[in-house]
C-alpha atoms as a PDB file:
ATOM      1  CA  MET A   1     -45.868  16.730  13.469  1.00  0.00           C
ATOM      2  CA  MET A   2     -43.642  16.670  10.420  1.00  0.00           C
ATOM      3  CA  ARG A   3     -44.100  20.421  10.058  1.00  0.00           C
ATOM      4  CA  TYR A   4     -42.739  20.990  13.613  1.00  0.00           C
ATOM      5  CA  ALA A   5     -39.750  18.758  12.924  1.00  0.00           C
ATOM      6  CA  ILE A   6     -38.909  20.694   9.756  1.00  0.00           C
ATOM      7  CA  LEU A   7     -39.373  24.016  11.571  1.00  0.00           C
ATOM      8  CA  ALA A   8     -37.114  22.858  14.430  1.00  0.00           C
ATOM      9  CA  LEU A   9     -34.457  21.619  12.000  1.00  0.00           C
ATOM     10  CA  LEU A  10     -34.597  24.855  10.010  1.00  0.00           C
ATOM     11  CA  SER A  11     -34.302  26.953  13.206  1.00  0.00           C
ATOM     12  CA  PHE A  12     -31.336  24.869  14.375  1.00  0.00           C
ATOM     13  CA  TYR A  13     -29.620  25.367  10.987  1.00  0.00           C
ATOM     14  CA  VAL A  14     -30.200  29.151  11.083  1.00  0.00           C
ATOM     15  CA  VAL A  15     -28.742  29.389  14.592  1.00  0.00           C
ATOM     16  CA  LEU A  16     -25.672  27.350  13.622  1.00  0.00           C
ATOM     17  CA  SER A  17     -25.067  29.274  10.408  1.00  0.00           C
ATOM     18  CA  CYS A  18     -25.343  32.667  12.137  1.00  0.00           C
ATOM     19  CA  GLN A  19     -22.953  31.902  14.982  1.00  0.00           C
ATOM     20  CA  LYS A  20     -19.364  33.049  14.718  1.00  0.00           C
ATOM     21  CA  ASN A  21     -16.693  32.335  17.198  1.00  0.00           C
ATOM     22  CA  ARG A  22     -15.505  35.196  19.408  1.00  0.00           C
ATOM     23  CA  GLU A  23     -12.265  35.682  17.492  1.00  0.00           C
ATOM     24  CA  GLU A  24     -14.076  36.165  14.157  1.00  0.00           C
ATOM     25  CA  VAL A  25     -16.433  38.716  15.720  1.00  0.00           C
ATOM     26  CA  HIS A  26     -13.451  40.473  17.339  1.00  0.00           C
ATOM     27  CA  GLN A  27     -11.685  40.673  13.945  1.00  0.00           C
ATOM     28  CA  ASP A  28     -14.828  42.005  12.252  1.00  0.00           C
ATOM     29  CA  TYR A  29     -15.179  44.621  15.017  1.00  0.00           C
ATOM     30  CA  SER A  30     -11.524  45.633  14.607  1.00  0.00           C
ATOM     31  CA  LYS A  31     -11.903  46.020  10.840  1.00  0.00           C
ATOM     32  CA  LEU A  32     -15.080  48.036  11.231  1.00  0.00           C
ATOM     33  CA  LEU A  33     -13.412  50.425  13.665  1.00  0.00           C
ATOM     34  CA  ASN A  34     -10.104  50.388  11.785  1.00  0.00           C
ATOM     35  CA  ALA A  35      -8.486  49.812  15.167  1.00  0.00           C
ATOM     36  CA  GLU A  36      -6.756  47.141  17.178  1.00  0.00           C
ATOM     37  CA  VAL A  37      -8.998  46.071  20.078  1.00  0.00           C
ATOM     38  CA  ILE A  38      -7.331  45.003  23.322  1.00  0.00           C
ATOM     39  CA  GLU A  39      -9.398  43.842  26.295  1.00  0.00           C
ATOM     40  CA  ASP A  40      -8.561  43.737  30.012  1.00  0.00           C
ATOM     41  CA  ILE A  41      -5.547  45.995  29.692  1.00  0.00           C
ATOM     42  CA  ARG A  42      -2.761  46.677  32.172  1.00  0.00           C
ATOM     43  CA  LEU A  43      -0.152  49.193  31.012  1.00  0.00           C
ATOM     44  CA  ARG A  44       2.990  49.950  33.016  1.00  0.00           C
ATOM     45  CA  TYR A  45       4.887  53.180  32.388  1.00  0.00           C
ATOM     46  CA  SER A  46       8.404  53.602  33.687  1.00  0.00           C
ATOM     47  CA  ASP A  47      11.247  56.041  33.238  1.00  0.00           C
ATOM     48  CA  SER A  48      14.869  54.982  33.794  1.00  0.00           C
ATOM     49  CA  ALA A  49      13.662  51.682  35.310  1.00  0.00           C
ATOM     50  CA  GLN A  50      11.487  53.643  37.775  1.00  0.00           C
ATOM     51  CA  LEU A  51       7.776  52.664  37.788  1.00  0.00           C
ATOM     52  CA  LYS A  52       5.714  55.827  37.240  1.00  0.00           C
ATOM     53  CA  VAL A  53       2.146  54.642  36.632  1.00  0.00           C
ATOM     54  CA  ILE A  54       0.008  51.564  36.023  1.00  0.00           C
ATOM     55  CA  ILE A  55      -3.127  52.031  33.914  1.00  0.00           C
ATOM     56  CA  THR A  56      -5.860  49.400  33.842  1.00  0.00           C
ATOM     57  CA  GLY A  57      -9.124  49.280  31.945  1.00  0.00           C
ATOM     58  CA  PRO A  58     -11.615  46.944  30.308  1.00  0.00           C
ATOM     59  CA  LYS A  59     -10.863  47.948  26.704  1.00  0.00           C
ATOM     60  CA  LEU A  60      -8.285  49.789  24.604  1.00  0.00           C
ATOM     61  CA  LEU A  61      -8.784  50.743  20.953  1.00  0.00           C
ATOM     62  CA  ARG A  62      -5.505  51.503  19.148  1.00  0.00           C
ATOM     63  CA  TYR A  63      -5.843  53.531  15.932  1.00  0.00           C
ATOM     64  CA  SER A  64      -2.488  53.275  14.164  1.00  0.00           C
ATOM     65  CA  LYS A  65      -3.392  55.586  11.254  1.00  0.00           C
ATOM     66  CA  GLU A  66      -4.502  58.368  13.586  1.00  0.00           C
ATOM     67  CA  ASN A  67      -1.762  57.616  16.145  1.00  0.00           C
ATOM     68  CA  LYS A  68      -4.157  57.620  19.078  1.00  0.00           C
ATOM     69  CA  GLU A  69      -5.543  55.200  21.622  1.00  0.00           C
ATOM     70  CA  THR A  70      -8.948  55.351  23.274  1.00  0.00           C
ATOM     71  CA  PHE A  71     -10.238  53.754  26.429  1.00  0.00           C
ATOM     72  CA  PRO A  72     -14.005  53.878  25.746  1.00  0.00           C
ATOM     73  CA  GLU A  73     -15.018  52.067  28.938  1.00  0.00           C
ATOM     74  CA  GLY A  74     -12.818  54.061  31.299  1.00  0.00           C
ATOM     75  CA  ILE A  75      -9.503  53.713  33.085  1.00  0.00           C
ATOM     76  CA  HIS A  76      -7.993  53.482  36.525  1.00  0.00           C
ATOM     77  CA  ALA A  77      -4.453  54.834  36.945  1.00  0.00           C
ATOM     78  CA  THR A  78      -2.168  54.458  39.944  1.00  0.00           C
ATOM     79  CA  PHE A  79       0.798  56.845  40.127  1.00  0.00           C
ATOM     80  CA  TYR A  80       3.928  55.824  42.032  1.00  0.00           C
ATOM     81  CA  SER A  81       6.506  57.833  43.965  1.00  0.00           C
ATOM     82  CA  ILE A  82      10.271  57.468  43.567  1.00  0.00           C
ATOM     83  CA  ASP A  83      10.394  54.835  46.329  1.00  0.00           C
ATOM     84  CA  GLY A  84       7.832  52.687  44.465  1.00  0.00           C
ATOM     85  CA  THR A  85       4.817  53.292  46.694  1.00  0.00           C
ATOM     86  CA  PRO A  86       1.457  54.396  45.253  1.00  0.00           C
ATOM     87  CA  ASN A  87       0.816  58.078  45.967  1.00  0.00           C
ATOM     88  CA  SER A  88      -2.217  59.026  43.848  1.00  0.00           C
ATOM     89  CA  GLN A  89      -4.960  57.432  41.801  1.00  0.00           C
ATOM     90  CA  LEU A  90      -7.205  58.544  38.982  1.00  0.00           C
ATOM     91  CA  LYS A  91     -10.498  57.180  37.666  1.00  0.00           C
ATOM     92  CA  ALA A  92     -12.349  58.310  34.555  1.00  0.00           C
ATOM     93  CA  GLY A  93     -15.187  57.086  32.351  1.00  0.00           C
ATOM     94  CA  GLN A  94     -13.207  57.595  29.111  1.00  0.00           C
ATOM     95  CA  ALA A  95      -9.640  58.376  28.089  1.00  0.00           C
ATOM     96  CA  TYR A  96      -7.692  59.267  24.968  1.00  0.00           C
ATOM     97  CA  ARG A  97      -3.933  58.828  24.588  1.00  0.00           C
ATOM     98  CA  PHE A  98      -1.857  60.602  21.962  1.00  0.00           C
ATOM     99  CA  PRO A  99       1.558  58.836  21.965  1.00  0.00           C
ATOM    100  CA  GLN A 100       3.379  61.372  19.760  1.00  0.00           C
ATOM    101  CA  LYS A 101       2.304  64.236  22.000  1.00  0.00           C
ATOM    102  CA  ASN A 102       2.895  62.226  25.219  1.00  0.00           C
ATOM    103  CA  LYS A 103      -0.529  63.262  26.509  1.00  0.00           C
ATOM    104  CA  ILE A 104      -3.547  61.485  27.929  1.00  0.00           C
ATOM    105  CA  ILE A 105      -6.913  63.236  28.181  1.00  0.00           C
ATOM    106  CA  VAL A 106      -9.417  61.724  30.616  1.00  0.00           C
ATOM    107  CA  GLU A 107     -13.118  62.621  30.663  1.00  0.00           C
ATOM    108  CA  ASP A 108     -16.468  61.642  32.078  1.00  0.00           C
ATOM    109  CA  HIS A 109     -16.564  62.025  35.853  1.00  0.00           C
ATOM    110  CA  VAL A 110     -12.843  62.296  36.535  1.00  0.00           C
ATOM    111  CA  ILE A 111     -11.780  61.646  40.125  1.00  0.00           C
ATOM    112  CA  LEU A 112      -8.193  62.137  41.283  1.00  0.00           C
ATOM    113  CA  TYR A 113      -7.133  61.428  44.855  1.00  0.00           C
ATOM    114  CA  ASN A 114      -3.909  61.081  46.810  1.00  0.00           C
ATOM    115  CA  GLN A 115      -2.612  59.342  49.932  1.00  0.00           C
ATOM    116  CA  GLN A 116      -3.215  62.471  52.060  1.00  0.00           C
ATOM    117  CA  GLY A 117      -6.964  62.174  51.433  1.00  0.00           C
ATOM    118  CA  ASP A 118      -7.254  65.075  48.980  1.00  0.00           C
ATOM    119  CA  SER A 119      -9.592  64.577  46.016  1.00  0.00           C
ATOM    120  CA  LEU A 120     -10.300  66.458  42.822  1.00  0.00           C
ATOM    121  CA  ILE A 121     -13.461  66.037  40.752  1.00  0.00           C
ATOM    122  CA  THR A 122     -13.788  67.496  37.256  1.00  0.00           C
ATOM    123  CA  SER A 123     -15.186  66.677  33.816  1.00  0.00           C
ATOM    124  CA  GLN A 124     -11.846  66.595  31.974  1.00  0.00           C
ATOM    125  CA  LEU A 125      -8.171  66.397  32.889  1.00  0.00           C
ATOM    126  CA  THR A 126      -4.997  66.251  30.787  1.00  0.00           C
ATOM    127  CA  TRP A 127      -1.897  64.362  31.867  1.00  0.00           C
ATOM    128  CA  ASP A 128       1.332  65.487  30.182  1.00  0.00           C
ATOM    129  CA  GLU A 129       3.552  62.401  30.459  1.00  0.00           C
ATOM    130  CA  LYS A 130       6.738  64.283  29.518  1.00  0.00           C
ATOM    131  CA  LYS A 131       6.303  67.097  32.036  1.00  0.00           C
ATOM    132  CA  ASP A 132       4.788  64.870  34.768  1.00  0.00           C
ATOM    133  CA  LYS A 133       1.995  67.422  35.039  1.00  0.00           C
ATOM    134  CA  ILE A 134      -1.816  67.256  35.180  1.00  0.00           C
ATOM    135  CA  TYR A 135      -4.085  70.167  34.319  1.00  0.00           C
ATOM    136  CA  THR A 136      -7.524  71.336  33.224  1.00  0.00           C
ATOM    137  CA  ASN A 137      -9.314  74.587  32.411  1.00  0.00           C
ATOM    138  CA  ARG A 138     -12.681  73.117  33.406  1.00  0.00           C
ATOM    139  CA  PHE A 139     -14.648  73.494  36.634  1.00  0.00           C
ATOM    140  CA  VAL A 140     -13.077  71.614  39.564  1.00  0.00           C
ATOM    141  CA  ARG A 141     -14.001  70.653  43.098  1.00  0.00           C
ATOM    142  CA  LEU A 142     -10.953  70.152  45.308  1.00  0.00           C
ATOM    143  CA  THR A 143     -11.612  68.559  48.686  1.00  0.00           C
ATOM    144  CA  LYS A 144      -8.873  68.706  51.297  1.00  0.00           C
ATOM    145  CA  ARG A 145      -9.024  67.462  54.894  1.00  0.00           C
ATOM    146  CA  ASP A 146     -10.274  70.764  56.275  1.00  0.00           C
ATOM    147  CA  ARG A 147     -11.894  72.556  53.316  1.00  0.00           C
ATOM    148  CA  VAL A 148     -13.555  72.372  49.916  1.00  0.00           C
ATOM    149  CA  ILE A 149     -12.488  74.695  47.105  1.00  0.00           C
ATOM    150  CA  LEU A 150     -14.468  75.271  43.902  1.00  0.00           C
ATOM    151  CA  GLY A 151     -13.055  76.947  40.844  1.00  0.00           C
ATOM    152  CA  TYR A 152     -11.950  76.857  37.232  1.00  0.00           C
ATOM    153  CA  GLY A 153      -8.618  75.594  36.035  1.00  0.00           C
ATOM    154  CA  PHE A 154      -6.253  73.346  37.923  1.00  0.00           C
ATOM    155  CA  GLU A 155      -2.596  72.443  37.613  1.00  0.00           C
ATOM    156  CA  SER A 156      -0.528  69.969  39.628  1.00  0.00           C
ATOM    157  CA  ASN A 157       2.380  67.574  39.556  1.00  0.00           C
ATOM    158  CA  GLN A 158       1.314  64.062  38.559  1.00  0.00           C
ATOM    159  CA  ASP A 159       1.329  62.743  42.126  1.00  0.00           C
ATOM    160  CA  PHE A 160      -1.193  65.424  43.076  1.00  0.00           C
ATOM    161  CA  THR A 161       0.838  66.797  45.989  1.00  0.00           C
ATOM    162  CA  LYS A 162       1.525  70.334  44.695  1.00  0.00           C
ATOM    163  CA  GLY A 163      -1.488  71.813  42.955  1.00  0.00           C
ATOM    164  CA  ARG A 164      -3.314  75.082  42.511  1.00  0.00           C
ATOM    165  CA  ILE A 165      -6.688  76.261  41.259  1.00  0.00           C
ATOM    166  CA  LYS A 166      -6.376  79.130  38.790  1.00  0.00           C
ATOM    167  CA  ALA A 167      -9.716  80.915  39.406  1.00  0.00           C
ATOM    168  CA  ILE A 168     -11.257  80.162  42.807  1.00  0.00           C
ATOM    169  CA  GLN A 169     -15.036  80.614  42.855  1.00  0.00           C
ATOM    170  CA  GLY A 170     -15.724  79.577  46.423  1.00  0.00           C
ATOM    171  CA  THR A 171     -14.297  77.867  49.473  1.00  0.00           C
ATOM    172  CA  TRP A 172     -15.640  76.607  52.770  1.00  0.00           C
ATOM    173  CA  LYS A 173     -14.233  74.905  55.821  1.00  0.00           C
ATOM    174  CA  LEU A 174     -15.284  71.403  56.768  1.00  0.00           C
ATOM    175  CA  ASP A 175     -16.557  70.669  60.251  1.00  0.00           C
ATOM    176  CA  ASP A 176     -13.911  69.055  62.483  1.00  0.00           C
ATOM    177  CA  ASP A 177     -16.507  67.768  64.990  1.00  0.00           C
ATOM    178  CA  LYS A 178     -17.348  64.599  63.035  1.00  0.00           C
END
C-alpha cells in the first residue's frame, strides 16, 4: 500500500514539474523558430483610407531577420471593391508574405472566386499588392457560368473580374439544362 502511495506521489510530482503554462510554451516555440507567433489573425489592408482586403487565418509566423511572414495553417482573404463591398475571395492551405516586395504567395489547393460565380483552382498564386494583380504560371482550372477552361498561366486584377489564361489546354461548355 505504501508503495502505491509513493508511486502516486512521484507521478503527481513529475506531472506538475513537467507542466508549463501556455505562455512559456509559446515563448519557447517562438525562440525555436526565431519568429514571432501570432494566433487567430485578422489583417486589414487599406490604401488611402479605402479597405482593399481582409486576411484571416489561424496562425502567422513573423520572421523579422528574413523579412517574411508565413501562414502555415492557411488563409482566407476577402477583397473589396471601391464602394466597400466584397467582390472576390481566396482560400489557400499556406501563404508567404514578403513585405519589402509587397507580394504574397499562396499555395496548397488555392481557390479564388468572385461574386459573379467564377472560380479558379490552382496549386500556387502570387498577389502583387502594389500592382493589385494576381498571377501564376502553374496549371489552372477556371470555371465560369457557362464553361470550364484548363490551361497554364493566369493573370488578373485582384478582384478577379478581368483575367486571362496564357496557354489554354482545353475548354468545354457546361450544360444549361440543370
